[in-house]
C-alpha cells in the first residue's frame, strides 16, 4: 500500500502563511489525482484543493485565492501553499493521493494529518 508522510503544519497568526508537503512512497506505479482535505473540531472532513495528473487544480470556495496546490511528479509529492490564513482555517489537514500500485491495484490513501492552528 502507498504511504503518505505530511509535514509543514504549525501555529501561525492571522494573515501569515504556511506550506504543507505530502510525499507518497511505496510500490507506486502511477499517481493520478492528489489533494488536501481538512477537518476542524466538531466538523466533517472537507476537501479543500485537488490537482489532476495534468495539473488542473480545483479549490473550495472558502480557500480560493488564498491557497495554491501544486505537485512534483518526480518526487510523488503534493504541496499546499496557504496564504492569508484565518482563524477559521484552523484544522487538521490531510493529504489524499490516488493512483495505481505496481500490482495494478488502485489505491486511495490519506495521510496521518498535520495540525494547522491560526491565532487571531
PDB file of N, CA and C in Angstrom:
ATOM      1  N   UNK A   1       0.849  -1.184   0.000  1.00  0.00           N
ATOM      2  CA  UNK A   1       0.000   0.000   0.000  1.00  0.00           C
ATOM      3  C   UNK A   1       0.885   1.235   0.000  1.00  0.00           C
ATOM      4  N   UNK A   2       0.370   2.331  -0.499  1.00  0.00           N
ATOM      5  CA  UNK A   2       1.134   3.569  -0.525  1.00  0.00           C
ATOM      6  C   UNK A   2       1.123   4.204   0.851  1.00  0.00           C
ATOM      7  N   UNK A   3       2.252   4.794   1.212  1.00  0.00           N
ATOM      8  CA  UNK A   3       2.347   5.509   2.487  1.00  0.00           C
ATOM      9  C   UNK A   3       2.527   6.995   2.198  1.00  0.00           C
ATOM     10  N   UNK A   4       1.897   7.807   3.000  1.00  0.00           N
ATOM     11  CA  UNK A   4       1.977   9.252   2.842  1.00  0.00           C
ATOM     12  C   UNK A   4       2.561   9.865   4.104  1.00  0.00           C
ATOM     13  N   UNK A   5       3.498  10.776   3.918  1.00  0.00           N
ATOM     14  CA  UNK A   5       4.102  11.480   5.044  1.00  0.00           C
ATOM     15  C   UNK A   5       3.917  12.969   4.825  1.00  0.00           C
ATOM     16  N   UNK A   6       3.225  13.601   5.773  1.00  0.00           N
ATOM     17  CA  UNK A   6       2.932  15.025   5.677  1.00  0.00           C
ATOM     18  C   UNK A   6       3.874  15.820   6.573  1.00  0.00           C
ATOM     19  N   UNK A   7       4.072  17.066   6.210  1.00  0.00           N
ATOM     20  CA  UNK A   7       4.853  17.967   7.051  1.00  0.00           C
ATOM     21  C   UNK A   7       4.438  19.400   6.763  1.00  0.00           C
ATOM     22  N   UNK A   8       4.824  20.289   7.670  1.00  0.00           N
ATOM     23  CA  UNK A   8       4.628  21.712   7.416  1.00  0.00           C
ATOM     24  C   UNK A   8       3.561  22.393   8.246  1.00  0.00           C
ATOM     25  N   UNK A   9       2.827  21.662   9.047  1.00  0.00           N
ATOM     26  CA  UNK A   9       1.814  22.310   9.877  1.00  0.00           C
ATOM     27  C   UNK A   9       2.461  23.107  10.998  1.00  0.00           C
ATOM     28  N   UNK A  10       1.625  23.847  11.721  1.00  0.00           N
ATOM     29  CA  UNK A  10       2.155  24.619  12.833  1.00  0.00           C
ATOM     30  C   UNK A  10       1.175  25.671  13.302  1.00  0.00           C
ATOM     31  N   UNK A  11       1.691  26.550  14.154  1.00  0.00           N
ATOM     32  CA  UNK A  11       0.899  27.639  14.729  1.00  0.00           C
ATOM     33  C   UNK A  11       1.357  28.952  14.114  1.00  0.00           C
ATOM     34  N   UNK A  12       0.417  29.680  13.537  1.00  0.00           N
ATOM     35  CA  UNK A  12       0.727  30.972  12.936  1.00  0.00           C
ATOM     36  C   UNK A  12      -0.339  31.976  13.348  1.00  0.00           C
ATOM     37  N   UNK A  13      -0.068  33.238  13.061  1.00  0.00           N
ATOM     38  CA  UNK A  13      -1.038  34.288  13.336  1.00  0.00           C
ATOM     39  C   UNK A  13      -1.853  34.601  12.080  1.00  0.00           C
ATOM     40  N   UNK A  14      -2.969  35.237  12.293  1.00  0.00           N
ATOM     41  CA  UNK A  14      -3.834  35.638  11.169  1.00  0.00           C
ATOM     42  C   UNK A  14      -3.031  36.421  10.144  1.00  0.00           C
ATOM     43  N   UNK A  15      -3.219  36.050   8.884  1.00  0.00           N
ATOM     44  CA  UNK A  15      -2.536  36.743   7.792  1.00  0.00           C
ATOM     45  C   UNK A  15      -1.226  36.126   7.368  1.00  0.00           C
ATOM     46  N   UNK A  16      -0.709  35.218   8.186  1.00  0.00           N
ATOM     47  CA  UNK A  16       0.571  34.586   7.852  1.00  0.00           C
ATOM     48  C   UNK A  16       0.374  33.405   6.896  1.00  0.00           C
ATOM     49  N   UNK A  17       1.486  32.777   6.542  1.00  0.00           N
ATOM     50  CA  UNK A  17       1.461  31.705   5.538  1.00  0.00           C
ATOM     51  C   UNK A  17       2.081  30.427   6.089  1.00  0.00           C
ATOM     52  N   UNK A  18       1.679  29.325   5.492  1.00  0.00           N
ATOM     53  CA  UNK A  18       2.279  28.026   5.764  1.00  0.00           C
ATOM     54  C   UNK A  18       2.305  27.241   4.462  1.00  0.00           C
ATOM     55  N   UNK A  19       3.262  26.323   4.366  1.00  0.00           N
ATOM     56  CA  UNK A  19       3.322  25.435   3.215  1.00  0.00           C
ATOM     57  C   UNK A  19       3.332  23.995   3.702  1.00  0.00           C
ATOM     58  N   UNK A  20       2.358  23.244   3.290  1.00  0.00           N
ATOM     59  CA  UNK A  20       2.276  21.835   3.640  1.00  0.00           C
ATOM     60  C   UNK A  20       2.865  20.986   2.517  1.00  0.00           C
ATOM     61  N   UNK A  21       3.486  19.878   2.905  1.00  0.00           N
ATOM     62  CA  UNK A  21       4.025  18.927   1.936  1.00  0.00           C
ATOM     63  C   UNK A  21       3.533  17.536   2.270  1.00  0.00           C
ATOM     64  N   UNK A  22       3.404  16.715   1.241  1.00  0.00           N
ATOM     65  CA  UNK A  22       2.978  15.333   1.442  1.00  0.00           C
ATOM     66  C   UNK A  22       3.688  14.472   0.400  1.00  0.00           C
ATOM     67  N   UNK A  23       4.530  13.570   0.884  1.00  0.00           N
ATOM     68  CA  UNK A  23       5.286  12.698  -0.006  1.00  0.00           C
ATOM     69  C   UNK A  23       4.733  11.286   0.043  1.00  0.00           C
ATOM     70  N   UNK A  24       4.501  10.719  -1.119  1.00  0.00           N
ATOM     71  CA  UNK A  24       3.989   9.345  -1.221  1.00  0.00           C
ATOM     72  C   UNK A  24       5.136   8.396  -1.528  1.00  0.00           C
ATOM     73  N   UNK A  25       5.097   7.238  -0.895  1.00  0.00           N
ATOM     74  CA  UNK A  25       6.130   6.233  -1.144  1.00  0.00           C
ATOM     75  C   UNK A  25       5.499   4.846  -1.136  1.00  0.00           C
ATOM     76  N   UNK A  26       6.289   3.870  -1.571  1.00  0.00           N
ATOM     77  CA  UNK A  26       5.775   2.504  -1.613  1.00  0.00           C
ATOM     78  C   UNK A  26       5.767   1.992  -3.039  1.00  0.00           C
ATOM     79  N   UNK A  27       5.090   0.865  -3.255  1.00  0.00           N
ATOM     80  CA  UNK A  27       5.070   0.250  -4.592  1.00  0.00           C
ATOM     81  C   UNK A  27       4.087   0.952  -5.524  1.00  0.00           C
ATOM     82  N   UNK A  28       4.416   2.194  -5.883  1.00  0.00           N
ATOM     83  CA  UNK A  28       3.525   3.031  -6.681  1.00  0.00           C
ATOM     84  C   UNK A  28       3.927   2.979  -8.145  1.00  0.00           C
ATOM     85  N   UNK A  29       2.968   2.652  -8.990  1.00  0.00           N
ATOM     86  CA  UNK A  29       3.199   2.653 -10.433  1.00  0.00           C
ATOM     87  C   UNK A  29       2.916   4.034 -11.014  1.00  0.00           C
ATOM     88  N   UNK A  30       1.810   4.601 -10.608  1.00  0.00           N
ATOM     89  CA  UNK A  30       1.448   5.926 -11.118  1.00  0.00           C
ATOM     90  C   UNK A  30       0.504   6.602 -10.137  1.00  0.00           C
ATOM     91  N   UNK A  31       0.494   7.928 -10.208  1.00  0.00           N
ATOM     92  CA  UNK A  31      -0.389   8.726  -9.359  1.00  0.00           C
ATOM     93  C   UNK A  31      -1.283   9.561 -10.248  1.00  0.00           C
ATOM     94  N   UNK A  32      -2.560   9.566  -9.953  1.00  0.00           N
ATOM     95  CA  UNK A  32      -3.488  10.406 -10.710  1.00  0.00           C
ATOM     96  C   UNK A  32      -3.808  11.645  -9.888  1.00  0.00           C
ATOM     97  N   UNK A  33      -4.959  11.717  -9.288  1.00  0.00           N
ATOM     98  CA  UNK A  33      -5.344  12.915  -8.537  1.00  0.00           C
ATOM     99  C   UNK A  33      -4.691  12.949  -7.161  1.00  0.00           C
ATOM    100  N   UNK A  34      -4.368  14.162  -6.743  1.00  0.00           N
ATOM    101  CA  UNK A  34      -3.836  14.408  -5.405  1.00  0.00           C
ATOM    102  C   UNK A  34      -4.641  15.557  -4.813  1.00  0.00           C
ATOM    103  N   UNK A  35      -4.687  15.615  -3.502  1.00  0.00           N
ATOM    104  CA  UNK A  35      -5.487  16.680  -2.904  1.00  0.00           C
ATOM    105  C   UNK A  35      -5.213  16.868  -1.430  1.00  0.00           C
ATOM    106  N   UNK A  36      -5.880  17.861  -0.896  1.00  0.00           N
ATOM    107  CA  UNK A  36      -5.788  18.162   0.537  1.00  0.00           C
ATOM    108  C   UNK A  36      -7.198  18.343   1.099  1.00  0.00           C
ATOM    109  N   UNK A  37      -7.426  17.749   2.228  1.00  0.00           N
ATOM    110  CA  UNK A  37      -8.671  17.941   2.952  1.00  0.00           C
ATOM    111  C   UNK A  37      -8.353  18.455   4.335  1.00  0.00           C
ATOM    112  N   UNK A  38      -9.369  18.912   5.028  1.00  0.00           N
ATOM    113  CA  UNK A  38      -9.150  19.367   6.403  1.00  0.00           C
ATOM    114  C   UNK A  38     -10.363  19.037   7.258  1.00  0.00           C
ATOM    115  N   UNK A  39     -10.110  18.902   8.528  1.00  0.00           N
ATOM    116  CA  UNK A  39     -11.189  18.615   9.462  1.00  0.00           C
ATOM    117  C   UNK A  39     -11.007  19.460  10.709  1.00  0.00           C
ATOM    118  N   UNK A  40     -11.970  20.343  10.935  1.00  0.00           N
ATOM    119  CA  UNK A  40     -11.954  21.170  12.131  1.00  0.00           C
ATOM    120  C   UNK A  40     -12.707  20.431  13.241  1.00  0.00           C
ATOM    121  N   UNK A  41     -12.443  20.793  14.488  1.00  0.00           N
ATOM    122  CA  UNK A  41     -13.121  20.120  15.607  1.00  0.00           C
ATOM    123  C   UNK A  41     -14.637  20.192  15.471  1.00  0.00           C
ATOM    124  N   UNK A  42     -15.297  19.049  15.596  1.00  0.00           N
ATOM    125  CA  UNK A  42     -16.746  19.007  15.530  1.00  0.00           C
ATOM    126  C   UNK A  42     -17.325  19.104  14.136  1.00  0.00           C
ATOM    127  N   UNK A  43     -16.464  19.110  13.125  1.00  0.00           N
ATOM    128  CA  UNK A  43     -16.949  19.234  11.746  1.00  0.00           C
ATOM    129  C   UNK A  43     -16.494  18.041  10.920  1.00  0.00           C
ATOM    130  N   UNK A  44     -17.173  17.842   9.788  1.00  0.00           N
ATOM    131  CA  UNK A  44     -16.783  16.782   8.883  1.00  0.00           C
ATOM    132  C   UNK A  44     -15.564  17.205   8.075  1.00  0.00           C
ATOM    133  N   UNK A  45     -14.835  16.199   7.595  1.00  0.00           N
ATOM    134  CA  UNK A  45     -13.698  16.493   6.745  1.00  0.00           C
ATOM    135  C   UNK A  45     -14.200  17.067   5.427  1.00  0.00           C
ATOM    136  N   UNK A  46     -13.501  18.123   4.944  1.00  0.00           N
ATOM    137  CA  UNK A  46     -13.849  18.715   3.668  1.00  0.00           C
ATOM    138  C   UNK A  46     -12.615  18.741   2.779  1.00  0.00           C
ATOM    139  N   UNK A  47     -12.848  18.516   1.493  1.00  0.00           N
ATOM    140  CA  UNK A  47     -11.769  18.575   0.522  1.00  0.00           C
ATOM    141  C   UNK A  47     -11.595  20.036   0.127  1.00  0.00           C
ATOM    142  N   UNK A  48     -10.390  20.571   0.298  1.00  0.00           N
ATOM    143  CA  UNK A  48     -10.196  21.999   0.007  1.00  0.00           C
ATOM    144  C   UNK A  48      -9.465  22.258  -1.297  1.00  0.00           C
ATOM    145  N   UNK A  49      -8.685  21.296  -1.766  1.00  0.00           N
ATOM    146  CA  UNK A  49      -7.960  21.504  -3.023  1.00  0.00           C
ATOM    147  C   UNK A  49      -7.606  20.164  -3.644  1.00  0.00           C
ATOM    148  N   UNK A  50      -7.723  20.103  -4.959  1.00  0.00           N
ATOM    149  CA  UNK A  50      -7.331  18.900  -5.692  1.00  0.00           C
ATOM    150  C   UNK A  50      -6.543  19.298  -6.935  1.00  0.00           C
ATOM    151  N   UNK A  51      -5.707  18.384  -7.390  1.00  0.00           N
ATOM    152  CA  UNK A  51      -4.940  18.632  -8.591  1.00  0.00           C
ATOM    153  C   UNK A  51      -4.845  17.329  -9.370  1.00  0.00           C
ATOM    154  N   UNK A  52      -5.091  17.403 -10.666  1.00  0.00           N
ATOM    155  CA  UNK A  52      -5.060  16.206 -11.502  1.00  0.00           C
ATOM    156  C   UNK A  52      -3.641  15.941 -11.993  1.00  0.00           C
ATOM    157  N   UNK A  53      -3.468  14.816 -12.662  1.00  0.00           N
ATOM    158  CA  UNK A  53      -2.157  14.494 -13.215  1.00  0.00           C
ATOM    159  C   UNK A  53      -1.751  15.491 -14.298  1.00  0.00           C
ATOM    160  N   UNK A  54      -2.730  16.166 -14.863  1.00  0.00           N
ATOM    161  CA  UNK A  54      -2.446  17.198 -15.857  1.00  0.00           C
ATOM    162  C   UNK A  54      -2.318  18.587 -15.262  1.00  0.00           C
ATOM    163  N   UNK A  55      -2.214  18.661 -13.930  1.00  0.00           N
ATOM    164  CA  UNK A  55      -2.023  19.916 -13.200  1.00  0.00           C
ATOM    165  C   UNK A  55      -3.224  20.849 -13.245  1.00  0.00           C
ATOM    166  N   UNK A  56      -4.395  20.290 -13.413  1.00  0.00           N
ATOM    167  CA  UNK A  56      -5.612  21.089 -13.310  1.00  0.00           C
ATOM    168  C   UNK A  56      -6.049  21.101 -11.846  1.00  0.00           C
ATOM    169  N   UNK A  57      -6.179  22.305 -11.298  1.00  0.00           N
ATOM    170  CA  UNK A  57      -6.463  22.449  -9.871  1.00  0.00           C
ATOM    171  C   UNK A  57      -7.884  22.948  -9.630  1.00  0.00           C
ATOM    172  N   UNK A  58      -8.452  22.499  -8.512  1.00  0.00           N
ATOM    173  CA  UNK A  58      -9.746  22.988  -8.075  1.00  0.00           C
ATOM    174  C   UNK A  58      -9.694  23.280  -6.589  1.00  0.00           C
ATOM    175  N   UNK A  59     -10.471  24.271  -6.176  1.00  0.00           N
ATOM    176  CA  UNK A  59     -10.440  24.713  -4.791  1.00  0.00           C
ATOM    177  C   UNK A  59     -11.853  24.886  -4.236  1.00  0.00           C
ATOM    178  N   UNK A  60     -11.968  24.664  -2.937  1.00  0.00           N
ATOM    179  CA  UNK A  60     -13.202  25.013  -2.255  1.00  0.00           C
ATOM    180  C   UNK A  60     -13.319  26.529  -2.231  1.00  0.00           C
ATOM    181  N   UNK A  61     -14.541  27.024  -2.250  1.00  0.00           N
ATOM    182  CA  UNK A  61     -14.751  28.468  -2.256  1.00  0.00           C
ATOM    183  C   UNK A  61     -14.086  29.141  -1.056  1.00  0.00           C
ATOM    184  N   UNK A  62     -14.046  28.445   0.055  1.00  0.00           N
ATOM    185  CA  UNK A  62     -13.512  29.031   1.285  1.00  0.00           C
ATOM    186  C   UNK A  62     -12.013  29.322   1.222  1.00  0.00           C
ATOM    187  N   UNK A  63     -11.308  28.709   0.292  1.00  0.00           N
ATOM    188  CA  UNK A  63      -9.851  28.904   0.220  1.00  0.00           C
ATOM    189  C   UNK A  63      -9.402  29.474  -1.116  1.00  0.00           C
ATOM    190  N   UNK A  64     -10.328  29.635  -2.035  1.00  0.00           N
ATOM    191  CA  UNK A  64      -9.984  30.116  -3.371  1.00  0.00           C
ATOM    192  C   UNK A  64      -9.334  31.488  -3.285  1.00  0.00           C
ATOM    193  N   UNK A  65      -8.223  31.643  -3.991  1.00  0.00           N
ATOM    194  CA  UNK A  65      -7.496  32.903  -3.978  1.00  0.00           C
ATOM    195  C   UNK A  65      -6.470  33.014  -2.862  1.00  0.00           C
ATOM    196  N   UNK A  66      -6.526  32.105  -1.887  1.00  0.00           N
ATOM    197  CA  UNK A  66      -5.560  32.140  -0.779  1.00  0.00           C
ATOM    198  C   UNK A  66      -4.650  30.907  -0.769  1.00  0.00           C
ATOM    199  N   UNK A  67      -5.177  29.776  -1.170  1.00  0.00           N
ATOM    200  CA  UNK A  67      -4.420  28.529  -1.175  1.00  0.00           C
ATOM    201  C   UNK A  67      -4.039  28.159  -2.603  1.00  0.00           C
ATOM    202  N   UNK A  68      -2.868  27.546  -2.742  1.00  0.00           N
ATOM    203  CA  UNK A  68      -2.415  27.051  -4.041  1.00  0.00           C
ATOM    204  C   UNK A  68      -1.877  25.640  -3.890  1.00  0.00           C
ATOM    205  N   UNK A  69      -2.432  24.728  -4.665  1.00  0.00           N
ATOM    206  CA  UNK A  69      -1.970  23.343  -4.647  1.00  0.00           C
ATOM    207  C   UNK A  69      -1.037  23.133  -5.834  1.00  0.00           C
ATOM    208  N   UNK A  70       0.007  22.355  -5.608  1.00  0.00           N
ATOM    209  CA  UNK A  70       0.946  22.028  -6.685  1.00  0.00           C
ATOM    210  C   UNK A  70       1.492  20.629  -6.427  1.00  0.00           C
ATOM    211  N   UNK A  71       2.177  20.091  -7.431  1.00  0.00           N
ATOM    212  CA  UNK A  71       2.712  18.752  -7.281  1.00  0.00           C
ATOM    213  C   UNK A  71       4.041  18.626  -8.000  1.00  0.00           C
ATOM    214  N   UNK A  72       4.871  17.733  -7.496  1.00  0.00           N
ATOM    215  CA  UNK A  72       6.138  17.388  -8.122  1.00  0.00           C
ATOM    216  C   UNK A  72       6.072  15.896  -8.418  1.00  0.00           C
ATOM    217  N   UNK A  73       5.811  15.570  -9.670  1.00  0.00           N
ATOM    218  CA  UNK A  73       5.602  14.163 -10.022  1.00  0.00           C
ATOM    219  C   UNK A  73       6.872  13.326  -9.846  1.00  0.00           C
ATOM    220  N   UNK A  74       8.016  13.938 -10.044  1.00  0.00           N
ATOM    221  CA  UNK A  74       9.273  13.201  -9.886  1.00  0.00           C
ATOM    222  C   UNK A  74       9.483  12.761  -8.439  1.00  0.00           C
ATOM    223  N   UNK A  75       8.906  13.530  -7.507  1.00  0.00           N
ATOM    224  CA  UNK A  75       9.064  13.234  -6.080  1.00  0.00           C
ATOM    225  C   UNK A  75       7.805  12.634  -5.466  1.00  0.00           C
ATOM    226  N   UNK A  76       6.772  12.407  -6.282  1.00  0.00           N
ATOM    227  CA  UNK A  76       5.485  11.910  -5.757  1.00  0.00           C
ATOM    228  C   UNK A  76       5.011  12.762  -4.587  1.00  0.00           C
ATOM    229  N   UNK A  77       5.126  14.041  -4.741  1.00  0.00           N
ATOM    230  CA  UNK A  77       4.838  14.966  -3.641  1.00  0.00           C
ATOM    231  C   UNK A  77       3.805  15.994  -4.060  1.00  0.00           C
ATOM    232  N   UNK A  78       2.908  16.313  -3.136  1.00  0.00           N
ATOM    233  CA  UNK A  78       1.927  17.361  -3.341  1.00  0.00           C
ATOM    234  C   UNK A  78       2.117  18.414  -2.262  1.00  0.00           C
ATOM    235  N   UNK A  79       1.924  19.663  -2.644  1.00  0.00           N
ATOM    236  CA  UNK A  79       2.129  20.795  -1.743  1.00  0.00           C
ATOM    237  C   UNK A  79       0.838  21.599  -1.621  1.00  0.00           C
ATOM    238  N   UNK A  80       0.713  22.305  -0.506  1.00  0.00           N
ATOM    239  CA  UNK A  80      -0.384  23.249  -0.344  1.00  0.00           C
ATOM    240  C   UNK A  80       0.193  24.519   0.260  1.00  0.00           C
ATOM    241  N   UNK A  81       0.275  25.552  -0.560  1.00  0.00           N
ATOM    242  CA  UNK A  81       0.719  26.868  -0.090  1.00  0.00           C
ATOM    243  C   UNK A  81      -0.498  27.606   0.421  1.00  0.00           C
ATOM    244  N   UNK A  82      -0.457  27.983   1.683  1.00  0.00           N
ATOM    245  CA  UNK A  82      -1.598  28.641   2.313  1.00  0.00           C
ATOM    246  C   UNK A  82      -1.195  30.049   2.720  1.00  0.00           C
ATOM    247  N   UNK A  83      -1.806  31.024   2.106  1.00  0.00           N
ATOM    248  CA  UNK A  83      -1.534  32.431   2.401  1.00  0.00           C
ATOM    249  C   UNK A  83      -2.742  33.074   3.049  1.00  0.00           C
ATOM    250  N   UNK A  84      -2.519  34.216   3.663  1.00  0.00           N
ATOM    251  CA  UNK A  84      -3.616  34.978   4.293  1.00  0.00           C
ATOM    252  C   UNK A  84      -4.473  34.082   5.180  1.00  0.00           C
ATOM    253  N   UNK A  85      -3.816  33.340   6.034  1.00  0.00           N
ATOM    254  CA  UNK A  85      -4.535  32.385   6.873  1.00  0.00           C
ATOM    255  C   UNK A  85      -5.458  33.081   7.864  1.00  0.00           C
ATOM    256  N   UNK A  86      -6.579  32.447   8.128  1.00  0.00           N
ATOM    257  CA  UNK A  86      -7.597  32.978   9.023  1.00  0.00           C
ATOM    258  C   UNK A  86      -7.829  31.985  10.169  1.00  0.00           C
ATOM    259  N   UNK A  87      -8.348  32.441  11.281  1.00  0.00           N
ATOM    260  CA  UNK A  87      -8.633  31.508  12.389  1.00  0.00           C
ATOM    261  C   UNK A  87      -9.552  30.364  11.972  1.00  0.00           C
ATOM    262  N   UNK A  88     -10.446  30.628  11.046  1.00  0.00           N
ATOM    263  CA  UNK A  88     -11.360  29.566  10.598  1.00  0.00           C
ATOM    264  C   UNK A  88     -10.670  28.514   9.747  1.00  0.00           C
ATOM    265  N   UNK A  89      -9.419  28.724   9.399  1.00  0.00           N
ATOM    266  CA  UNK A  89      -8.640  27.701   8.699  1.00  0.00           C
ATOM    267  C   UNK A  89      -8.060  26.675   9.671  1.00  0.00           C
ATOM    268  N   UNK A  90      -8.175  26.933  10.955  1.00  0.00           N
ATOM    269  CA  UNK A  90      -7.640  26.011  11.950  1.00  0.00           C
ATOM    270  C   UNK A  90      -8.281  24.643  11.798  1.00  0.00           C
ATOM    271  N   UNK A  91      -7.441  23.619  11.613  1.00  0.00           N
ATOM    272  CA  UNK A  91      -7.948  22.267  11.369  1.00  0.00           C
ATOM    273  C   UNK A  91      -6.758  21.313  11.277  1.00  0.00           C
ATOM    274  N   UNK A  92      -7.074  20.043  11.261  1.00  0.00           N
ATOM    275  CA  UNK A  92      -6.075  19.044  10.885  1.00  0.00           C
ATOM    276  C   UNK A  92      -6.187  18.867   9.373  1.00  0.00           C
ATOM    277  N   UNK A  93      -5.068  19.023   8.694  1.00  0.00           N
ATOM    278  CA  UNK A  93      -5.029  18.914   7.238  1.00  0.00           C
ATOM    279  C   UNK A  93      -4.500  17.534   6.853  1.00  0.00           C
ATOM    280  N   UNK A  94      -5.181  16.911   5.909  1.00  0.00           N
ATOM    281  CA  UNK A  94      -4.826  15.578   5.427  1.00  0.00           C
ATOM    282  C   UNK A  94      -4.587  15.620   3.921  1.00  0.00           C
ATOM    283  N   UNK A  95      -3.527  14.965   3.479  1.00  0.00           N
ATOM    284  CA  UNK A  95      -3.352  14.852   2.037  1.00  0.00           C
ATOM    285  C   UNK A  95      -4.011  13.564   1.554  1.00  0.00           C
ATOM    286  N   UNK A  96      -4.340  13.551   0.296  1.00  0.00           N
ATOM    287  CA  UNK A  96      -5.013  12.425  -0.338  1.00  0.00           C
ATOM    288  C   UNK A  96      -4.348  12.154  -1.667  1.00  0.00           C
ATOM    289  N   UNK A  97      -4.004  10.910  -1.899  1.00  0.00           N
ATOM    290  CA  UNK A  97      -3.341  10.531  -3.144  1.00  0.00           C
ATOM    291  C   UNK A  97      -4.034   9.311  -3.722  1.00  0.00           C
ATOM    292  N   UNK A  98      -4.306   9.355  -5.008  1.00  0.00           N
ATOM    293  CA  UNK A  98      -4.943   8.246  -5.720  1.00  0.00           C
ATOM    294  C   UNK A  98      -4.029   7.786  -6.848  1.00  0.00           C
ATOM    295  N   UNK A  99      -4.039   6.491  -7.104  1.00  0.00           N
ATOM    296  CA  UNK A  99      -3.206   6.004  -8.190  1.00  0.00           C
ATOM    297  C   UNK A  99      -3.246   4.505  -8.340  1.00  0.00           C
ATOM    298  N   UNK A 100      -2.194   3.978  -8.953  1.00  0.00           N
ATOM    299  CA  UNK A 100      -2.058   2.539  -9.185  1.00  0.00           C
ATOM    300  C   UNK A 100      -0.788   2.026  -8.519  1.00  0.00           C
ATOM    301  N   UNK A 101      -0.893   0.875  -7.877  1.00  0.00           N
ATOM    302  CA  UNK A 101       0.282   0.206  -7.347  1.00  0.00           C
ATOM    303  C   UNK A 101       0.931  -0.616  -8.452  1.00  0.00           C
ATOM    304  N   UNK A 102       2.124  -1.107  -8.174  1.00  0.00           N
ATOM    305  CA  UNK A 102       2.842  -1.875  -9.194  1.00  0.00           C
ATOM    306  C   UNK A 102       2.132  -3.181  -9.545  1.00  0.00           C
ATOM    307  N   UNK A 103       1.261  -3.658  -8.678  1.00  0.00           N
ATOM    308  CA  UNK A 103       0.489  -4.868  -8.999  1.00  0.00           C
ATOM    309  C   UNK A 103      -0.826  -4.528  -9.693  1.00  0.00           C
ATOM    310  N   UNK A 104      -0.947  -3.268 -10.120  1.00  0.00           N
ATOM    311  CA  UNK A 104      -2.096  -2.768 -10.891  1.00  0.00           C
ATOM    312  C   UNK A 104      -3.345  -2.551 -10.059  1.00  0.00           C
ATOM    313  N   UNK A 105      -3.244  -2.701  -8.740  1.00  0.00           N
ATOM    314  CA  UNK A 105      -4.395  -2.366  -7.912  1.00  0.00           C
ATOM    315  C   UNK A 105      -4.469  -0.866  -7.715  1.00  0.00           C
ATOM    316  N   UNK A 106      -5.697  -0.355  -7.699  1.00  0.00           N
ATOM    317  CA  UNK A 106      -5.879   1.061  -7.420  1.00  0.00           C
ATOM    318  C   UNK A 106      -5.704   1.315  -5.921  1.00  0.00           C
ATOM    319  N   UNK A 107      -5.204   2.464  -5.596  1.00  0.00           N
ATOM    320  CA  UNK A 107      -5.126   2.854  -4.195  1.00  0.00           C
ATOM    321  C   UNK A 107      -5.650   4.261  -4.022  1.00  0.00           C
ATOM    322  N   UNK A 108      -6.167   4.501  -2.841  1.00  0.00           N
ATOM    323  CA  UNK A 108      -6.622   5.825  -2.439  1.00  0.00           C
ATOM    324  C   UNK A 108      -6.211   5.968  -0.983  1.00  0.00           C
ATOM    325  N   UNK A 109      -5.205   6.778  -0.745  1.00  0.00           N
ATOM    326  CA  UNK A 109      -4.621   6.879   0.592  1.00  0.00           C
ATOM    327  C   UNK A 109      -4.770   8.267   1.168  1.00  0.00           C
ATOM    328  N   UNK A 110      -4.905   8.299   2.485  1.00  0.00           N
ATOM    329  CA  UNK A 110      -4.921   9.557   3.221  1.00  0.00           C
ATOM    330  C   UNK A 110      -3.704   9.599   4.139  1.00  0.00           C
ATOM    331  N   UNK A 111      -3.160  10.783   4.315  1.00  0.00           N
ATOM    332  CA  UNK A 111      -2.050  10.968   5.232  1.00  0.00           C
ATOM    333  C   UNK A 111      -2.522  10.934   6.682  1.00  0.00           C
ATOM    334  N   UNK A 112      -1.547  11.032   7.589  1.00  0.00           N
ATOM    335  CA  UNK A 112      -1.867  10.926   9.011  1.00  0.00           C
ATOM    336  C   UNK A 112      -2.407  12.229   9.575  1.00  0.00           C
ATOM    337  N   UNK A 113      -2.265  13.296   8.848  1.00  0.00           N
ATOM    338  CA  UNK A 113      -2.773  14.589   9.281  1.00  0.00           C
ATOM    339  C   UNK A 113      -1.697  15.451   9.917  1.00  0.00           C
ATOM    340  N   UNK A 114      -1.793  16.739   9.683  1.00  0.00           N
ATOM    341  CA  UNK A 114      -0.896  17.710  10.297  1.00  0.00           C
ATOM    342  C   UNK A 114      -1.740  18.885  10.783  1.00  0.00           C
ATOM    343  N   UNK A 115      -1.476  19.308  12.006  1.00  0.00           N
ATOM    344  CA  UNK A 115      -2.291  20.355  12.630  1.00  0.00           C
ATOM    345  C   UNK A 115      -1.886  21.733  12.134  1.00  0.00           C
ATOM    346  N   UNK A 116      -2.869  22.513  11.752  1.00  0.00           N
ATOM    347  CA  UNK A 116      -2.669  23.920  11.407  1.00  0.00           C
ATOM    348  C   UNK A 116      -3.540  24.740  12.355  1.00  0.00           C
ATOM    349  N   UNK A 117      -2.909  25.625  13.092  1.00  0.00           N
ATOM    350  CA  UNK A 117      -3.625  26.479  14.031  1.00  0.00           C
ATOM    351  C   UNK A 117      -3.330  27.934  13.710  1.00  0.00           C
ATOM    352  N   UNK A 118      -4.386  28.709  13.528  1.00  0.00           N
ATOM    353  CA  UNK A 118      -4.239  30.125  13.199  1.00  0.00           C
ATOM    354  C   UNK A 118      -4.833  30.933  14.346  1.00  0.00           C
ATOM    355  N   UNK A 119      -3.993  31.709  15.000  1.00  0.00           N
ATOM    356  CA  UNK A 119      -4.459  32.512  16.122  1.00  0.00           C
ATOM    357  C   UNK A 119      -4.877  33.894  15.646  1.00  0.00           C
ATOM    358  N   UNK A 120      -5.828  34.473  16.352  1.00  0.00           N
ATOM    359  CA  UNK A 120      -6.333  35.803  15.967  1.00  0.00           C
ATOM    360  C   UNK A 120      -5.584  36.908  16.669  1.00  0.00           C
TER     361      UNK A 120
END
